[in-house]
Structures are given as structure tokens and as C-alpha cells.
C-alpha atoms as a PDB file:
ATOM      1  CA  MET A   1      -3.856  25.861  14.822  1.00  0.00           C
ATOM      2  CA  GLU A   2      -6.048  23.435  15.804  1.00  0.00           C
ATOM      3  CA  ALA A   3      -7.728  22.583  12.568  1.00  0.00           C
ATOM      4  CA  LEU A   4      -4.357  22.111  11.356  1.00  0.00           C
ATOM      5  CA  ALA A   5      -3.457  19.911  13.913  1.00  0.00           C
ATOM      6  CA  LEU A   6      -5.949  17.558  13.202  1.00  0.00           C
ATOM      7  CA  LEU A   7      -5.693  17.821   9.050  1.00  0.00           C
ATOM      8  CA  ILE A   8      -2.221  16.609   9.836  1.00  0.00           C
ATOM      9  CA  ALA A   9      -3.458  13.657  12.353  1.00  0.00           C
ATOM     10  CA  ALA A  10      -6.224  13.210   9.564  1.00  0.00           C
ATOM     11  CA  SER A  11      -3.450  13.088   6.810  1.00  0.00           C
ATOM     12  CA  LEU A  12      -0.767  10.927   8.572  1.00  0.00           C
ATOM     13  CA  ASN A  13      -4.389   8.303   8.763  1.00  0.00           C
ATOM     14  CA  ALA A  14      -4.975   8.739   5.730  1.00  0.00           C
ATOM     15  CA  GLY A  15      -1.302   8.047   3.998  1.00  0.00           C
ATOM     16  CA  THR A  16      -1.009   5.417   6.520  1.00  0.00           C
ATOM     17  CA  VAL A  17      -3.226   3.427   4.083  1.00  0.00           C
ATOM     18  CA  LEU A  18      -0.808   4.534   1.193  1.00  0.00           C
ATOM     19  CA  ALA A  19       2.107   3.646   2.179  1.00  0.00           C
ATOM     20  CA  LEU A  20       1.052   0.210   3.590  1.00  0.00           C
ATOM     21  CA  ALA A  21       0.652  -0.705  -0.256  1.00  0.00           C
ATOM     22  CA  ALA A  22       3.121   0.986  -1.664  1.00  0.00           C
ATOM     23  CA  LEU A  23       6.202  -0.342   0.651  1.00  0.00           C
ATOM     24  CA  GLY A  24       4.457  -3.914  -0.382  1.00  0.00           C
ATOM     25  CA  LEU A  25       4.605  -2.911  -3.962  1.00  0.00           C
ATOM     26  CA  LEU A  26       8.165  -1.402  -3.609  1.00  0.00           C
ATOM     27  CA  ILE A  27       9.155  -5.177  -2.452  1.00  0.00           C
ATOM     28  CA  ASN A  28       7.729  -6.770  -5.295  1.00  0.00           C
ATOM     29  CA  GLU A  29       9.106  -4.636  -7.892  1.00  0.00           C
ATOM     30  CA  LYS A  30      12.736  -4.372  -6.073  1.00  0.00           C
ATOM     31  CA  VAL A  31      13.026  -7.675  -7.256  1.00  0.00           C
ATOM     32  CA  GLY A  32      11.499  -6.955 -10.365  1.00  0.00           C
ATOM     33  CA  VAL A  33       8.240  -8.261 -10.113  1.00  0.00           C
ATOM     34  CA  VAL A  34       5.519  -5.238 -11.462  1.00  0.00           C
ATOM     35  CA  ASN A  35       1.989  -6.517  -9.586  1.00  0.00           C
ATOM     36  CA  LEU A  36      -0.877  -4.349 -10.586  1.00  0.00           C
ATOM     37  CA  GLY A  37      -3.518  -6.286  -7.930  1.00  0.00           C
ATOM     38  CA  ALA A  38      -2.977  -4.064  -5.497  1.00  0.00           C
ATOM     39  CA  GLU A  39      -6.198  -2.958  -5.331  1.00  0.00           C
ATOM     40  CA  GLY A  40      -7.804  -6.011  -5.527  1.00  0.00           C
ATOM     41  CA  MET A  41      -5.928  -7.520  -2.829  1.00  0.00           C
ATOM     42  CA  MET A  42      -6.852  -4.869  -0.830  1.00  0.00           C
ATOM     43  CA  LEU A  43     -10.507  -5.179  -1.093  1.00  0.00           C
ATOM     44  CA  CYS A  44     -10.127  -9.542  -0.193  1.00  0.00           C
ATOM     45  CA  GLY A  45      -7.750  -7.788   2.915  1.00  0.00           C
ATOM     46  CA  ALA A  46     -10.442  -5.238   3.804  1.00  0.00           C
ATOM     47  CA  LEU A  47     -13.070  -8.108   3.971  1.00  0.00           C
ATOM     48  CA  ALA A  48     -11.338 -10.612   5.343  1.00  0.00           C
ATOM     49  CA  GLY A  49     -10.228  -8.098   8.116  1.00  0.00           C
ATOM     50  CA  PHE A  50     -13.405  -6.936   8.940  1.00  0.00           C
ATOM     51  CA  ALA A  51     -15.415 -10.517   8.888  1.00  0.00           C
ATOM     52  CA  THR A  52     -12.861 -11.270  11.376  1.00  0.00           C
ATOM     53  CA  VAL A  53     -13.470  -8.449  13.704  1.00  0.00           C
ATOM     54  CA  VAL A  54     -16.911  -8.942  13.089  1.00  0.00           C
ATOM     55  CA  HIS A  55     -17.441 -12.609  14.548  1.00  0.00           C
ATOM     56  CA  LEU A  56     -13.789 -12.423  16.942  1.00  0.00           C
ATOM     57  CA  GLY A  57     -14.535  -8.531  18.089  1.00  0.00           C
ATOM     58  CA  VAL A  58     -10.003  -9.056  18.229  1.00  0.00           C
ATOM     59  CA  HIS A  59      -8.836  -6.030  15.790  1.00  0.00           C
ATOM     60  CA  PRO A  60      -4.925  -7.557  15.787  1.00  0.00           C
ATOM     61  CA  LEU A  61      -6.413 -10.891  14.602  1.00  0.00           C
ATOM     62  CA  GLY A  62      -8.345  -8.814  11.832  1.00  0.00           C
ATOM     63  CA  PHE A  63      -4.730  -7.099  10.413  1.00  0.00           C
ATOM     64  CA  PHE A  64      -3.584 -11.030  10.733  1.00  0.00           C
ATOM     65  CA  ALA A  65      -6.275 -11.969   8.456  1.00  0.00           C
ATOM     66  CA  GLY A  66      -6.316  -9.270   5.969  1.00  0.00           C
ATOM     67  CA  ALA A  67      -2.381  -9.822   5.939  1.00  0.00           C
ATOM     68  CA  ALA A  68      -2.906 -13.790   5.038  1.00  0.00           C
ATOM     69  CA  VAL A  69      -5.561 -13.158   2.456  1.00  0.00           C
ATOM     70  CA  GLY A  70      -3.256 -10.251   0.388  1.00  0.00           C
ATOM     71  CA  ALA A  71      -0.496 -13.205   1.019  1.00  0.00           C
ATOM     72  CA  ALA A  72      -1.908 -15.754  -0.349  1.00  0.00           C
ATOM     73  CA  LEU A  73      -3.269 -14.232  -3.412  1.00  0.00           C
ATOM     74  CA  ALA A  74      -0.391 -12.414  -3.931  1.00  0.00           C
ATOM     75  CA  LEU A  75       1.126 -16.118  -3.924  1.00  0.00           C
ATOM     76  CA  VAL A  76      -1.018 -17.169  -6.790  1.00  0.00           C
ATOM     77  CA  PHE A  77      -0.217 -14.608  -8.928  1.00  0.00           C
ATOM     78  CA  GLY A  78       3.898 -14.942  -8.070  1.00  0.00           C
ATOM     79  CA  ALA A  79       3.104 -18.590  -8.996  1.00  0.00           C
ATOM     80  CA  LEU A  80       1.484 -17.825 -12.810  1.00  0.00           C
ATOM     81  CA  VAL A  81       4.405 -14.660 -13.530  1.00  0.00           C
ATOM     82  CA  VAL A  82       7.101 -15.905 -11.913  1.00  0.00           C
ATOM     83  CA  TYR A  83       7.264 -19.799 -12.408  1.00  0.00           C
ATOM     84  CA  LEU A  84       4.697 -20.226 -15.359  1.00  0.00           C
ATOM     85  CA  ASN A  85       5.828 -16.863 -16.959  1.00  0.00           C
ATOM     86  CA  THR A  86       2.401 -15.261 -17.470  1.00  0.00           C
ATOM     87  CA  ASN A  87       2.368 -11.844 -18.168  1.00  0.00           C
ATOM     88  CA  GLN A  88       3.034  -9.234 -15.695  1.00  0.00           C
ATOM     89  CA  TYR A  89       0.436  -6.639 -16.508  1.00  0.00           C
ATOM     90  CA  ALA A  90      -2.248  -8.978 -17.693  1.00  0.00           C
ATOM     91  CA  THR A  91      -1.894 -11.413 -14.850  1.00  0.00           C
ATOM     92  CA  GLY A  92      -2.068  -7.880 -12.154  1.00  0.00           C
ATOM     93  CA  LEU A  93      -4.999  -6.895 -13.942  1.00  0.00           C
ATOM     94  CA  ALA A  94      -6.651  -9.991 -13.633  1.00  0.00           C
ATOM     95  CA  LEU A  95      -6.200 -10.419  -9.929  1.00  0.00           C
ATOM     96  CA  SER A  96      -7.345  -6.876  -9.332  1.00  0.00           C
ATOM     97  CA  LEU A  97     -10.695  -7.305 -11.070  1.00  0.00           C
ATOM     98  CA  PHE A  98     -10.834 -10.796  -9.699  1.00  0.00           C
ATOM     99  CA  GLY A  99     -10.398  -9.744  -5.975  1.00  0.00           C
ATOM    100  CA  ALA A 100     -12.838  -6.323  -6.558  1.00  0.00           C
ATOM    101  CA  GLY A 101     -15.491  -9.096  -7.806  1.00  0.00           C
ATOM    102  CA  LEU A 102     -15.115 -11.804  -4.760  1.00  0.00           C
ATOM    103  CA  SER A 103     -15.007  -8.919  -2.823  1.00  0.00           C
ATOM    104  CA  ALA A 104     -18.282  -7.450  -3.553  1.00  0.00           C
ATOM    105  CA  PHE A 105     -19.803 -11.145  -3.680  1.00  0.00           C
ATOM    106  CA  LEU A 106     -18.892 -12.514  -0.166  1.00  0.00           C
ATOM    107  CA  GLY A 107     -19.030  -9.131   1.343  1.00  0.00           C
ATOM    108  CA  GLN A 108     -22.738  -8.905   0.510  1.00  0.00           C
ATOM    109  CA  PRO A 109     -23.444 -10.185   4.185  1.00  0.00           C
ATOM    110  CA  TYR A 110     -21.241  -7.861   6.034  1.00  0.00           C
ATOM    111  CA  THR A 111     -23.003  -4.528   4.375  1.00  0.00           C
ATOM    112  CA  GLN A 112     -25.389  -4.291   7.509  1.00  0.00           C
ATOM    113  CA  TYR A 113     -22.725  -4.236  10.300  1.00  0.00           C
ATOM    114  CA  LYS A 114     -20.357  -1.227  11.271  1.00  0.00           C
ATOM    115  CA  LEU A 115     -17.600  -1.732  13.750  1.00  0.00           C
ATOM    116  CA  PRO A 116     -17.247   0.382  17.095  1.00  0.00           C
ATOM    117  CA  GLU A 117     -15.373   3.750  17.305  1.00  0.00           C
ATOM    118  CA  LEU A 118     -11.899   2.439  18.416  1.00  0.00           C
ATOM    119  CA  VAL A 119     -10.417   4.368  20.833  1.00  0.00           C
ATOM    120  CA  VAL A 120      -6.553   5.144  20.451  1.00  0.00           C
ATOM    121  CA  PRO A 121      -4.206   5.280  23.468  1.00  0.00           C
ATOM    122  CA  HIS A 122      -1.842   8.743  23.398  1.00  0.00           C
ATOM    123  CA  VAL A 123       1.632   8.078  23.913  1.00  0.00           C
ATOM    124  CA  PRO A 124       2.306   9.280  27.113  1.00  0.00           C
ATOM    125  CA  TRP A 125       3.740  12.202  28.056  1.00  0.00           C
ATOM    126  CA  LEU A 126       3.761  13.149  24.079  1.00  0.00           C
ATOM    127  CA  GLY A 127       0.087  12.723  23.737  1.00  0.00           C
ATOM    128  CA  ASP A 128      -0.661  16.008  25.902  1.00  0.00           C
ATOM    129  CA  LEU A 129       1.419  17.986  24.348  1.00  0.00           C
ATOM    130  CA  PRO A 130      -0.139  20.911  23.322  1.00  0.00           C
ATOM    131  CA  TRP A 131      -0.735  20.927  19.816  1.00  0.00           C
ATOM    132  CA  LEU A 132       2.069  18.636  18.812  1.00  0.00           C
ATOM    133  CA  GLY A 133       0.470  15.816  20.846  1.00  0.00           C
ATOM    134  CA  PRO A 134      -3.068  16.132  18.684  1.00  0.00           C
ATOM    135  CA  ALA A 135      -1.124  16.386  15.338  1.00  0.00           C
ATOM    136  CA  LEU A 136       1.458  13.750  16.138  1.00  0.00           C
ATOM    137  CA  PHE A 137       1.047  11.157  19.109  1.00  0.00           C
ATOM    138  CA  ARG A 138      -2.402  10.192  19.082  1.00  0.00           C
ATOM    139  CA  GLN A 139      -2.651   8.173  16.235  1.00  0.00           C
ATOM    140  CA  HIS A 140      -2.948   4.156  15.963  1.00  0.00           C
ATOM    141  CA  ALA A 141       0.007   1.731  16.593  1.00  0.00           C
ATOM    142  CA  LEU A 142       0.094   1.061  12.354  1.00  0.00           C
ATOM    143  CA  VAL A 143       0.973   4.582  11.767  1.00  0.00           C
ATOM    144  CA  TYR A 144       4.029   4.219  13.592  1.00  0.00           C
ATOM    145  CA  ALA A 145       4.736   0.846  12.323  1.00  0.00           C
ATOM    146  CA  THR A 146       4.339   2.226   8.936  1.00  0.00           C
ATOM    147  CA  MET A 147       7.554   4.315   9.455  1.00  0.00           C
ATOM    148  CA  GLY A 148       9.469   2.559  10.774  1.00  0.00           C
ATOM    149  CA  LEU A 149       9.268  -0.050   7.990  1.00  0.00           C
ATOM    150  CA  ALA A 150       9.694   2.484   5.783  1.00  0.00           C
ATOM    151  CA  LEU A 151      12.788   2.920   7.649  1.00  0.00           C
ATOM    152  CA  GLY A 152      13.784  -0.420   7.955  1.00  0.00           C
ATOM    153  CA  LEU A 153      13.227  -1.123   3.927  1.00  0.00           C
ATOM    154  CA  VAL A 154      15.716   2.020   3.468  1.00  0.00           C
ATOM    155  CA  TRP A 155      18.505   0.552   6.143  1.00  0.00           C
ATOM    156  CA  LEU A 156      17.744  -3.563   4.242  1.00  0.00           C
ATOM    157  CA  TYR A 157      18.667  -2.184   0.977  1.00  0.00           C
ATOM    158  CA  ASP A 158      21.250  -0.246   1.785  1.00  0.00           C
ATOM    159  CA  ARG A 159      23.106  -1.163   4.635  1.00  0.00           C
ATOM    160  CA  THR A 160      22.868  -5.579   4.496  1.00  0.00           C
ATOM    161  CA  ARG A 161      24.094  -8.168   2.153  1.00  0.00           C
ATOM    162  CA  THR A 162      20.006  -9.060   1.678  1.00  0.00           C
ATOM    163  CA  GLY A 163      19.665  -6.019   0.494  1.00  0.00           C
ATOM    164  CA  LEU A 164      21.976  -6.103  -1.882  1.00  0.00           C
ATOM    165  CA  VAL A 165      21.111  -9.180  -3.132  1.00  0.00           C
ATOM    166  CA  LEU A 166      16.949  -8.055  -3.705  1.00  0.00           C
ATOM    167  CA  ARG A 167      18.695  -4.900  -5.848  1.00  0.00           C
ATOM    168  CA  SER A 168      20.656  -7.019  -7.756  1.00  0.00           C
ATOM    169  CA  ILE A 169      18.164  -9.990  -8.745  1.00  0.00           C
ATOM    170  CA  GLY A 170      15.887  -6.970  -9.663  1.00  0.00           C
ATOM    171  CA  GLU A 171      19.055  -4.874 -11.655  1.00  0.00           C
ATOM    172  CA  ASN A 172      20.365  -8.249 -13.057  1.00  0.00           C
ATOM    173  CA  PRO A 173      18.429 -11.747 -11.775  1.00  0.00           C
ATOM    174  CA  GLU A 174      20.607 -13.147 -14.443  1.00  0.00           C
ATOM    175  CA  SER A 175      23.956 -12.193 -12.928  1.00  0.00           C
ATOM    176  CA  ALA A 176      22.029 -13.476  -9.560  1.00  0.00           C
ATOM    177  CA  HIS A 177      21.056 -16.651 -10.920  1.00  0.00           C
ATOM    178  CA  ALA A 178      24.659 -17.294 -11.839  1.00  0.00           C
ATOM    179  CA  LEU A 179      26.169 -16.391  -8.962  1.00  0.00           C
ATOM    180  CA  GLY A 180      24.027 -19.214  -7.031  1.00  0.00           C
ATOM    181  CA  TYR A 181      20.838 -17.164  -5.799  1.00  0.00           C
ATOM    182  CA  PRO A 182      17.326 -18.728  -6.410  1.00  0.00           C
ATOM    183  CA  VAL A 183      15.619 -16.079  -8.158  1.00  0.00           C
ATOM    184  CA  ARG A 184      12.615 -17.210  -8.699  1.00  0.00           C
ATOM    185  CA  ALA A 185      12.281 -18.173  -4.791  1.00  0.00           C
ATOM    186  CA  ILE A 186      13.121 -15.031  -3.600  1.00  0.00           C
ATOM    187  CA  ARG A 187      10.929 -12.998  -5.930  1.00  0.00           C
ATOM    188  CA  LEU A 188       8.000 -15.416  -4.966  1.00  0.00           C
ATOM    189  CA  ALA A 189       8.587 -14.924  -1.535  1.00  0.00           C
ATOM    190  CA  ALA A 190       9.196 -10.959  -2.426  1.00  0.00           C
ATOM    191  CA  VAL A 191       5.484 -10.845  -3.948  1.00  0.00           C
ATOM    192  CA  ALA A 192       4.264 -12.991  -0.907  1.00  0.00           C
ATOM    193  CA  VAL A 193       5.439 -10.331   1.806  1.00  0.00           C
ATOM    194  CA  GLY A 194       4.230  -6.998  -1.023  1.00  0.00           C
ATOM    195  CA  GLY A 195       0.835  -8.833  -1.196  1.00  0.00           C
ATOM    196  CA  ALA A 196       0.550  -9.280   3.128  1.00  0.00           C
ATOM    197  CA  LEU A 197       1.157  -5.393   3.250  1.00  0.00           C
ATOM    198  CA  CYS A 198      -1.480  -4.727   0.515  1.00  0.00           C
ATOM    199  CA  GLY A 199      -3.767  -6.620   2.392  1.00  0.00           C
ATOM    200  CA  LEU A 200      -3.074  -5.043   6.029  1.00  0.00           C
ATOM    201  CA  ALA A 201      -3.728  -1.431   4.586  1.00  0.00           C
ATOM    202  CA  GLY A 202      -6.758  -3.307   3.598  1.00  0.00           C
ATOM    203  CA  ALA A 203      -7.562  -4.566   6.579  1.00  0.00           C
ATOM    204  CA  TYR A 204      -6.851  -0.958   8.397  1.00  0.00           C
ATOM    205  CA  VAL A 205      -9.245   0.373   6.163  1.00  0.00           C
ATOM    206  CA  ALA A 206     -12.262  -1.455   6.642  1.00  0.00           C
ATOM    207  CA  THR A 207     -10.913  -1.980  11.018  1.00  0.00           C
ATOM    208  CA  VAL A 208      -9.986   2.033  12.150  1.00  0.00           C
ATOM    209  CA  TYR A 209      -9.822   4.342   8.912  1.00  0.00           C
ATOM    210  CA  THR A 210     -13.684   3.917   8.092  1.00  0.00           C
ATOM    211  CA  PRO A 211     -14.775   0.478  10.278  1.00  0.00           C
ATOM    212  CA  LEU A 212     -17.271  -0.641   8.044  1.00  0.00           C
ATOM    213  CA  TRP A 213     -17.519  -2.483   4.725  1.00  0.00           C
ATOM    214  CA  VAL A 214     -19.341  -1.308   1.576  1.00  0.00           C
ATOM    215  CA  GLU A 215     -18.252  -2.760  -1.560  1.00  0.00           C
ATOM    216  CA  GLY A 216     -15.456  -0.982  -3.625  1.00  0.00           C
ATOM    217  CA  ILE A 217     -14.128   0.343  -0.169  1.00  0.00           C
ATOM    218  CA  ILE A 218     -10.667   0.410  -0.877  1.00  0.00           C
ATOM    219  CA  ALA A 219     -11.471   3.481  -4.027  1.00  0.00           C
ATOM    220  CA  GLY A 220      -8.900   3.202  -5.999  1.00  0.00           C
ATOM    221  CA  LYS A 221      -6.199   3.380  -3.227  1.00  0.00           C
ATOM    222  CA  GLY A 222      -4.193   0.142  -4.556  1.00  0.00           C
ATOM    223  CA  TRP A 223      -3.844   2.251  -7.998  1.00  0.00           C
ATOM    224  CA  ILE A 224      -2.841   5.773  -6.162  1.00  0.00           C
ATOM    225  CA  ALA A 225      -0.295   2.921  -4.166  1.00  0.00           C
ATOM    226  CA  LEU A 226       1.130   1.709  -7.549  1.00  0.00           C
ATOM    227  CA  ALA A 227       1.733   5.130  -9.219  1.00  0.00           C
ATOM    228  CA  LEU A 228       3.465   6.293  -5.483  1.00  0.00           C
ATOM    229  CA  THR A 229       6.365   3.562  -6.117  1.00  0.00           C
ATOM    230  CA  THR A 230       7.800   5.444  -9.927  1.00  0.00           C
ATOM    231  CA  PHE A 231       6.346   8.649  -8.032  1.00  0.00           C
ATOM    232  CA  ALA A 232       9.097   7.557  -5.589  1.00  0.00           C
ATOM    233  CA  THR A 233      11.854   6.519  -8.092  1.00  0.00           C
ATOM    234  CA  TRP A 234      11.871   2.863  -5.570  1.00  0.00           C
ATOM    235  CA  ARG A 235      13.183   4.420  -2.559  1.00  0.00           C
ATOM    236  CA  PRO A 236      11.191   3.693   0.865  1.00  0.00           C
ATOM    237  CA  ALA A 237      11.667   7.224   2.529  1.00  0.00           C
ATOM    238  CA  ARG A 238      10.175   8.841  -0.660  1.00  0.00           C
ATOM    239  CA  VAL A 239       7.262   6.618  -0.809  1.00  0.00           C
ATOM    240  CA  LEU A 240       6.181   7.544   2.666  1.00  0.00           C
ATOM    241  CA  LEU A 241       6.627  11.096   2.711  1.00  0.00           C
ATOM    242  CA  GLY A 242       4.128  11.027  -0.910  1.00  0.00           C
ATOM    243  CA  ALA A 243       1.756   8.844   1.063  1.00  0.00           C
ATOM    244  CA  TYR A 244       1.507  11.320   3.415  1.00  0.00           C
ATOM    245  CA  LEU A 245       1.239  14.525   0.429  1.00  0.00           C
ATOM    246  CA  PHE A 246      -1.559  12.420  -1.005  1.00  0.00           C
ATOM    247  CA  GLY A 247      -2.840  11.562   2.383  1.00  0.00           C
ATOM    248  CA  ALA A 248      -2.743  15.771   2.792  1.00  0.00           C
ATOM    249  CA  VAL A 249      -4.662  15.944  -0.597  1.00  0.00           C
ATOM    250  CA  THR A 250      -7.390  13.256   0.912  1.00  0.00           C
ATOM    251  CA  MET A 251      -8.125  15.156   4.147  1.00  0.00           C
ATOM    252  CA  ILE A 252      -8.221  18.512   2.842  1.00  0.00           C
ATOM    253  CA  GLN A 253     -11.396  18.063   1.107  1.00  0.00           C
ATOM    254  CA  PHE A 254     -13.233  17.730   4.254  1.00  0.00           C
ATOM    255  CA  THR A 255     -11.376  20.399   5.686  1.00  0.00           C
ATOM    256  CA  LEU A 256     -12.038  22.467   2.489  1.00  0.00           C
ATOM    257  CA  GLN A 257     -15.818  21.725   3.333  1.00  0.00           C
ATOM    258  CA  GLY A 258     -16.157  22.389   6.817  1.00  0.00           C
ATOM    259  CA  MET A 259     -14.678  26.075   5.978  1.00  0.00           C
ATOM    260  CA  GLY A 260     -18.063  26.800   3.650  1.00  0.00           C
ATOM    261  CA  VAL A 261     -15.456  26.832   0.422  1.00  0.00           C
ATOM    262  CA  GLY A 262     -18.336  26.821  -2.202  1.00  0.00           C
ATOM    263  CA  LEU A 263     -17.123  23.943  -4.749  1.00  0.00           C
ATOM    264  CA  PRO A 264     -18.630  21.041  -5.738  1.00  0.00           C
ATOM    265  CA  SER A 265     -18.526  18.278  -3.633  1.00  0.00           C
ATOM    266  CA  GLN A 266     -17.154  15.913  -6.735  1.00  0.00           C
ATOM    267  CA  PHE A 267     -14.278  18.229  -7.455  1.00  0.00           C
ATOM    268  CA  LEU A 268     -13.258  18.171  -4.029  1.00  0.00           C
ATOM    269  CA  THR A 269     -13.577  13.835  -4.362  1.00  0.00           C
ATOM    270  CA  MET A 270     -11.214  13.852  -7.371  1.00  0.00           C
ATOM    271  CA  LEU A 271      -8.434  16.025  -5.540  1.00  0.00           C
ATOM    272  CA  PRO A 272      -6.443  12.967  -4.858  1.00  0.00           C
ATOM    273  CA  TYR A 273      -6.501  11.547  -8.289  1.00  0.00           C
ATOM    274  CA  LEU A 274      -6.247  14.506 -10.031  1.00  0.00           C
ATOM    275  CA  ALA A 275      -2.897  14.829  -8.042  1.00  0.00           C
ATOM    276  CA  THR A 276      -2.226  11.080  -9.217  1.00  0.00           C
ATOM    277  CA  ILE A 277      -2.497  11.753 -12.728  1.00  0.00           C
ATOM    278  CA  VAL A 278      -0.779  15.540 -13.008  1.00  0.00           C
ATOM    279  CA  VAL A 279       2.481  13.639 -11.129  1.00  0.00           C
ATOM    280  CA  LEU A 280       2.223  10.711 -13.087  1.00  0.00           C
ATOM    281  CA  VAL A 281       2.501  12.950 -15.807  1.00  0.00           C
ATOM    282  CA  LEU A 282       5.130  15.365 -15.099  1.00  0.00           C
ATOM    283  CA  ILE A 283       7.617  12.312 -14.462  1.00  0.00           C
ATOM    284  CA  SER A 284       6.184  10.718 -17.560  1.00  0.00           C
ATOM    285  CA  ARG A 285       8.235  13.880 -19.236  1.00  0.00           C
ATOM    286  CA  SER A 286      11.769  12.908 -18.609  1.00  0.00           C
ATOM    287  CA  PRO A 287      11.807   9.046 -19.431  1.00  0.00           C
ATOM    288  CA  GLN A 288      15.815   8.174 -19.193  1.00  0.00           C
ATOM    289  CA  TRP A 289      15.198   9.959 -15.156  1.00  0.00           C
ATOM    290  CA  ILE A 290      12.805   7.057 -15.208  1.00  0.00           C
ATOM    291  CA  ARG A 291      15.073   4.361 -16.565  1.00  0.00           C
ATOM    292  CA  LEU A 292      18.459   5.420 -14.455  1.00  0.00           C
ATOM    293  CA  HIS A 293      16.161   4.808 -10.983  1.00  0.00           C
ATOM    294  CA  MET A 294      13.622   2.120 -11.859  1.00  0.00           C
ATOM    295  CA  PRO A 295      14.872  -1.903 -12.014  1.00  0.00           C
ATOM    296  CA  GLN A 296      16.156  -2.723 -14.993  1.00  0.00           C
ATOM    297  CA  SER A 297      14.543  -6.078 -15.104  1.00  0.00           C
ATOM    298  CA  LEU A 298      11.372  -4.633 -13.885  1.00  0.00           C
ATOM    299  CA  GLY A 299       8.347  -6.808 -15.719  1.00  0.00           C
ATOM    300  CA  ARG A 300      10.659  -8.656 -17.282  1.00  0.00           C
ATOM    301  CA  PRO A 301      10.185 -12.583 -16.612  1.00  0.00           C
ATOM    302  CA  PHE A 302      13.088 -14.446 -15.845  1.00  0.00           C
ATOM    303  CA  HIS A 303      13.827 -17.986 -17.357  1.00  0.00           C
ATOM    304  CA  PRO A 304      16.916 -20.028 -15.656  1.00  0.00           C
ATOM    305  CA  GLY A 305      19.237 -21.397 -18.062  1.00  0.00           C
ATOM    306  CA  ALA A 306      17.701 -19.416 -21.062  1.00  0.00           C
END
């Protein structure tokens, strides 16, 4: 039971990284913009957050720095695809490659540093409960904030006028423009918010999840987050659940190794990525089901007055 509690706690921790990035990408895609640059934004956010904590010693400032860098890169991407109508897929891939190269170059001096392990306070009373305390109530505050963010997005998209406007822009931007909504400005704002969440996820990786900096520290989590939006059929609650599922797949490799399971470490390491491929293959078997749930203008540029 103790091992199960530790696995659940580790899965929540690992899933938070994926959930933050995937919710950011979901915000982009809900207004019709596909951003394949999540990996690059997360890497740059991780470096910015790590460097900030190294020099200033304040974790919240590291989170702010990571989110700011992610938003800045997303704004560049948004300006290109929203106002200059560049290809969203090619521009996103370029952003991912740029972020990987830039973080590797600027991060060389920081490979010698390692942050002290952060002491996470327990939730009062609940953190002392047997089994449930270690499993659920001894997490970093950002873990619970991510859960709140997912629930807030459910309420935003399903219960508010703002959410209705955002969904209408993702479904039919021409109609939203005809009603007087600034489609391109709203898309750019959504892209910036999504980039900030990706940068925040990267900062969480480098300052809390694994408090160190190495080149490529994100290790494909941006691509898994991108797949999660499709896996969850563009619904925030399903994104959260899917992130925890993939987090469990990521952490179970360490549990199996601790149990002495005689499998090659390389096979265990590839489990999360293998799970991603399997999920995408299963989803791709029904293109009509995907089209039924995805925003209709996803990946399609918008030309006012065209």
C-alpha cells in the first residue's frame, strides 16, 4: 500500500507537467491555432526558471520567468501565424527547433548547478492521513493549481459568454468576425496564454520535478502534451485525466525497476512514448470521430475581409 501511495503521488507530480502544457495547447487549439512549438517553449521556460532560481533563490520568480519566456516565444509564433498567415505547422516546428537549440546554447553554464530539494509543506490535517496523505496531499501547490485550472477551463468553455466566443472563433472565425469580434487579437492572446503555460510547465520541470539543468531536459514531454489534446478530444477535464494516466505510465518504470523486474531499462524508458503512439493509432482509426470533436477551423488561417 505504501508503494502504491508513492506511485500515485509520483504520477500526480509527473502528470502536472503534461497537464500544464496540454492545457496551454488546448487554449490555442480552441481558437483554431495549432502550435507544434511546445517542446521548444518548455525548454526555454525550463532554462529561464532554473537560471532565475539559481541567481535569486526564489522559486515563484522562477515560475514567473518561465511563463514570461514561454509567452514571449508564443507571441512571436502568434504574430507570424495570425497576422502574417505563415503555415502553422511549419512555424511551430521551427519554434520547437529554435527553442531546443537556444536553450542548449544558453544553458551550458548552468549544467554545473543543482538546486536543493524543495521541501513541500503538507496540506493541514489531510497530509497526515494514513495512505491518503502521502498519495494525494503532499504535493507542490502548482499540482493543485493545475487541477483548479482544468476545472476553471471547463466552466469557462461551457458556462460563460467568453468561452462561447472562444469556441465560436475556433469553429467559424468568419462568423465571429462578422459579429464584430477581433478574431486575430483574440487568437494572439490565446496563443500567448498557452505559451505561458508551456513555459510554466518547463520551469516546474527544472526547479521542482528534477531540480537541475541538462540539455533536452524536457525529453519529449511537449510532444506528449500535444498528443494529449487529441486524446482528450479537446476537453480540459479529459486532458487532466489523460495527463495523470501518462504520468503513471512514466513513473511505473521506476516502480518496476525497484521491484526487480528483469526488463531492459531502455524498454521501460520508452513506455510513455510507446503509450502515446498506441493512443494516437487507436484514435486515428476513426477520422470522423476526430472531426466531430475538433474545432472546425483548427490549423486554418483567417483572412479578415477575404
